[in-house]
Structures are given as structure tokens and as C-alpha cells.
Amino acid sequence: MFLMSKETIAMIIAAALALLTVLIIVFLLYFRKPKGVKIDEEFINNLLNILGGNNNIKEVSVDNGRLKFLVDDLDKVNLNSLKEVSTSGVFVTGNVIKTLFKLDSQTIKKAIEERI
């Protein structure tokens, strides 16, 4: 029969706890949603141009993490360019456009609201 000393058992437990701690930290860092991401002026200006300019946006809101834009004239919106900057497609219903970006939706919403 194989017997381990108390010191060996204590070292195994300590190593397991250390490994578990490292795995938890890596998990939290990897899956953490960035907060307060600085969205640069170029991104916002580009997005406003794609959406047909400041005057074309009637309302902007966040719906389940997606940005939702109510536009005055859908023909002024460059949907192909919007698809290129979006991370998960563009959904259009009437004059309402929903899309998702890799940056924080609330931060983008706030930046656009400041401009329109």
C-alpha cells in the first residue's frame, strides 16, 4: 500500500489551490466585459456618416446589448458600410436599424446622443 506523508498531502492541496486560483483569474480576465471603453472621435464620426449624418438619426437606444437607431430616411444609410463595422450583422425593420459592435453599446449611445 502507498502511504503519503502529511507534508506531501499539504503540498498537493496547496498546488491544487494555487492552480485553481490561477484558472479563476484567467477566466475572469478573459471573459470580462470591458467597461468604459474609450471610443475615439474617428469611430463616432464614421458611424454618424454611415447612418446618414447627425440630422438623419431621430433616436438611439440600447436593446439587449444591441444599438437601435431610428432614422429619418433609410436611403441615406450606407447599410454595406454598417455591416462592415458591425460584429454580428445589421437588422432593419422599417426605419429602425439594430446592430452590435465590439465596443460598449452604452458608451457609443452616449457619444452619439451628445452629437445629435
C-alpha atoms as a PDB file:
ATOM      1  CA  MET A   1       0.000   0.000   0.000  1.00  0.00           C
ATOM      2  CA  PHE A   2       1.201   3.511  -0.864  1.00  0.00           C
ATOM      3  CA  LEU A   3       1.143   5.982   2.016  1.00  0.00           C
ATOM      4  CA  MET A   4       1.784   9.702   1.711  1.00  0.00           C
ATOM      5  CA  SER A   5       3.138  11.887   4.435  1.00  0.00           C
ATOM      6  CA  LYS A   6       1.174  14.829   5.789  1.00  0.00           C
ATOM      7  CA  GLU A   7       3.669  17.207   4.163  1.00  0.00           C
ATOM      8  CA  THR A   8       3.112  15.632   0.730  1.00  0.00           C
ATOM      9  CA  ILE A   9      -0.672  15.880   1.074  1.00  0.00           C
ATOM     10  CA  ALA A  10      -0.368  19.514   2.208  1.00  0.00           C
ATOM     11  CA  MET A  11       1.835  20.331  -0.826  1.00  0.00           C
ATOM     12  CA  ILE A  12      -0.640  18.676  -3.217  1.00  0.00           C
ATOM     13  CA  ILE A  13      -3.548  20.631  -1.696  1.00  0.00           C
ATOM     14  CA  ALA A  14      -1.570  23.900  -1.857  1.00  0.00           C
ATOM     15  CA  ALA A  15      -0.640  23.276  -5.503  1.00  0.00           C
ATOM     16  CA  ALA A  16      -4.263  22.470  -6.396  1.00  0.00           C
ATOM     17  CA  LEU A  17      -5.484  25.665  -4.693  1.00  0.00           C
ATOM     18  CA  ALA A  18      -2.822  27.716  -6.488  1.00  0.00           C
ATOM     19  CA  LEU A  19      -3.813  26.201  -9.839  1.00  0.00           C
ATOM     20  CA  LEU A  20      -7.490  26.829  -9.137  1.00  0.00           C
ATOM     21  CA  THR A  21      -6.744  30.466  -8.244  1.00  0.00           C
ATOM     22  CA  VAL A  22      -4.796  30.976 -11.467  1.00  0.00           C
ATOM     23  CA  LEU A  23      -7.599  29.416 -13.530  1.00  0.00           C
ATOM     24  CA  ILE A  24     -10.200  31.672 -11.904  1.00  0.00           C
ATOM     25  CA  ILE A  25      -8.100  34.783 -12.560  1.00  0.00           C
ATOM     26  CA  VAL A  26      -7.538  33.805 -16.199  1.00  0.00           C
ATOM     27  CA  PHE A  27     -11.255  33.091 -16.637  1.00  0.00           C
ATOM     28  CA  LEU A  28     -12.237  36.456 -15.155  1.00  0.00           C
ATOM     29  CA  LEU A  29      -9.732  38.350 -17.296  1.00  0.00           C
ATOM     30  CA  TYR A  30     -10.665  36.511 -20.478  1.00  0.00           C
ATOM     31  CA  PHE A  31     -14.446  36.805 -20.166  1.00  0.00           C
ATOM     32  CA  ARG A  32     -14.567  40.208 -18.526  1.00  0.00           C
ATOM     33  CA  LYS A  33     -16.606  42.737 -20.480  1.00  0.00           C
ATOM     34  CA  PRO A  34     -14.614  45.930 -20.909  1.00  0.00           C
ATOM     35  CA  LYS A  35     -16.168  48.853 -19.083  1.00  0.00           C
ATOM     36  CA  GLY A  36     -15.752  52.477 -20.019  1.00  0.00           C
ATOM     37  CA  VAL A  37     -14.026  51.760 -23.304  1.00  0.00           C
ATOM     38  CA  LYS A  38     -12.717  54.962 -24.834  1.00  0.00           C
ATOM     39  CA  ILE A  39     -14.397  55.326 -28.166  1.00  0.00           C
ATOM     40  CA  ASP A  40     -12.446  57.615 -30.423  1.00  0.00           C
ATOM     41  CA  GLU A  41     -13.823  60.508 -32.449  1.00  0.00           C
ATOM     42  CA  GLU A  42     -12.986  58.790 -35.732  1.00  0.00           C
ATOM     43  CA  PHE A  43     -15.221  55.811 -34.936  1.00  0.00           C
ATOM     44  CA  ILE A  44     -18.171  58.029 -33.938  1.00  0.00           C
ATOM     45  CA  ASN A  45     -17.731  60.327 -36.966  1.00  0.00           C
ATOM     46  CA  ASN A  46     -17.564  57.303 -39.277  1.00  0.00           C
ATOM     47  CA  LEU A  47     -20.673  55.776 -37.690  1.00  0.00           C
ATOM     48  CA  LEU A  48     -22.599  59.046 -37.993  1.00  0.00           C
ATOM     49  CA  ASN A  49     -21.634  59.336 -41.667  1.00  0.00           C
ATOM     50  CA  ILE A  50     -22.680  55.733 -42.305  1.00  0.00           C
ATOM     51  CA  LEU A  51     -26.060  56.449 -40.677  1.00  0.00           C
ATOM     52  CA  GLY A  52     -26.653  59.423 -42.971  1.00  0.00           C
ATOM     53  CA  GLY A  53     -25.404  62.200 -40.712  1.00  0.00           C
ATOM     54  CA  ASN A  54     -26.480  63.748 -37.422  1.00  0.00           C
ATOM     55  CA  ASN A  55     -29.782  65.011 -38.783  1.00  0.00           C
ATOM     56  CA  ASN A  56     -30.832  61.591 -40.071  1.00  0.00           C
ATOM     57  CA  ILE A  57     -30.797  59.983 -36.609  1.00  0.00           C
ATOM     58  CA  LYS A  58     -34.035  60.593 -34.728  1.00  0.00           C
ATOM     59  CA  GLU A  59     -33.320  58.353 -31.747  1.00  0.00           C
ATOM     60  CA  VAL A  60     -30.680  55.961 -30.449  1.00  0.00           C
ATOM     61  CA  SER A  61     -31.176  53.364 -27.729  1.00  0.00           C
ATOM     62  CA  VAL A  62     -29.753  50.084 -26.472  1.00  0.00           C
ATOM     63  CA  ASP A  63     -31.902  46.969 -26.806  1.00  0.00           C
ATOM     64  CA  ASN A  64     -30.474  43.737 -25.334  1.00  0.00           C
ATOM     65  CA  GLY A  65     -26.916  44.983 -25.885  1.00  0.00           C
ATOM     66  CA  ARG A  66     -27.594  45.996 -29.479  1.00  0.00           C
ATOM     67  CA  LEU A  67     -27.666  49.589 -30.609  1.00  0.00           C
ATOM     68  CA  LYS A  68     -31.012  50.576 -32.037  1.00  0.00           C
ATOM     69  CA  PHE A  69     -31.208  53.580 -34.365  1.00  0.00           C
ATOM     70  CA  LEU A  70     -34.411  55.218 -35.533  1.00  0.00           C
ATOM     71  CA  VAL A  71     -33.521  57.073 -38.727  1.00  0.00           C
ATOM     72  CA  ASP A  72     -35.480  59.636 -40.685  1.00  0.00           C
ATOM     73  CA  ASP A  73     -34.502  58.381 -44.160  1.00  0.00           C
ATOM     74  CA  LEU A  74     -33.277  54.803 -44.585  1.00  0.00           C
ATOM     75  CA  ASP A  75     -31.999  55.616 -48.103  1.00  0.00           C
ATOM     76  CA  LYS A  76     -29.321  57.876 -46.558  1.00  0.00           C
ATOM     77  CA  VAL A  77     -27.890  54.963 -44.543  1.00  0.00           C
ATOM     78  CA  ASN A  78     -24.978  53.030 -46.056  1.00  0.00           C
ATOM     79  CA  LEU A  79     -26.005  49.543 -44.939  1.00  0.00           C
ATOM     80  CA  ASN A  80     -22.998  47.841 -46.556  1.00  0.00           C
ATOM     81  CA  SER A  81     -20.569  50.020 -44.596  1.00  0.00           C
ATOM     82  CA  LEU A  82     -22.587  49.460 -41.431  1.00  0.00           C
ATOM     83  CA  LYS A  83     -22.308  45.686 -41.953  1.00  0.00           C
ATOM     84  CA  GLU A  84     -18.521  46.063 -42.235  1.00  0.00           C
ATOM     85  CA  VAL A  85     -18.140  47.824 -38.869  1.00  0.00           C
ATOM     86  CA  SER A  86     -20.745  45.699 -37.072  1.00  0.00           C
ATOM     87  CA  THR A  87     -19.795  42.481 -35.306  1.00  0.00           C
ATOM     88  CA  SER A  88     -22.998  40.492 -35.770  1.00  0.00           C
ATOM     89  CA  GLY A  89     -24.977  41.769 -38.703  1.00  0.00           C
ATOM     90  CA  VAL A  90     -27.477  44.531 -39.250  1.00  0.00           C
ATOM     91  CA  PHE A  91     -31.217  44.118 -38.755  1.00  0.00           C
ATOM     92  CA  VAL A  92     -33.589  46.581 -40.428  1.00  0.00           C
ATOM     93  CA  THR A  93     -37.313  46.911 -39.729  1.00  0.00           C
ATOM     94  CA  GLY A  94     -38.913  49.950 -41.297  1.00  0.00           C
ATOM     95  CA  ASN A  95     -36.727  52.877 -40.272  1.00  0.00           C
ATOM     96  CA  VAL A  96     -35.257  51.053 -37.266  1.00  0.00           C
ATOM     97  CA  ILE A  97     -31.749  49.626 -37.515  1.00  0.00           C
ATOM     98  CA  LYS A  98     -30.330  47.235 -34.886  1.00  0.00           C
ATOM     99  CA  THR A  99     -26.696  46.218 -34.783  1.00  0.00           C
ATOM    100  CA  LEU A 100     -23.939  45.194 -32.369  1.00  0.00           C
ATOM    101  CA  PHE A 101     -20.385  46.473 -32.075  1.00  0.00           C
ATOM    102  CA  LYS A 102     -17.374  45.073 -30.233  1.00  0.00           C
ATOM    103  CA  LEU A 103     -17.305  48.253 -28.139  1.00  0.00           C
ATOM    104  CA  ASP A 104     -19.673  49.004 -25.268  1.00  0.00           C
ATOM    105  CA  SER A 105     -23.129  49.914 -26.629  1.00  0.00           C
ATOM    106  CA  GLN A 106     -23.974  52.317 -23.812  1.00  0.00           C
ATOM    107  CA  THR A 107     -20.765  54.272 -24.418  1.00  0.00           C
ATOM    108  CA  ILE A 108     -21.460  54.510 -28.161  1.00  0.00           C
ATOM    109  CA  LYS A 109     -25.053  55.583 -27.453  1.00  0.00           C
ATOM    110  CA  LYS A 110     -23.888  58.344 -25.115  1.00  0.00           C
ATOM    111  CA  ALA A 111     -21.302  59.613 -27.624  1.00  0.00           C
ATOM    112  CA  ILE A 112     -23.897  59.735 -30.431  1.00  0.00           C
ATOM    113  CA  GLU A 113     -26.516  61.402 -28.250  1.00  0.00           C
ATOM    114  CA  GLU A 114     -24.004  64.143 -27.473  1.00  0.00           C
ATOM    115  CA  ARG A 115     -23.715  64.829 -31.216  1.00  0.00           C
ATOM    116  CA  ILE A 116     -27.356  64.738 -32.326  1.00  0.00           C
END
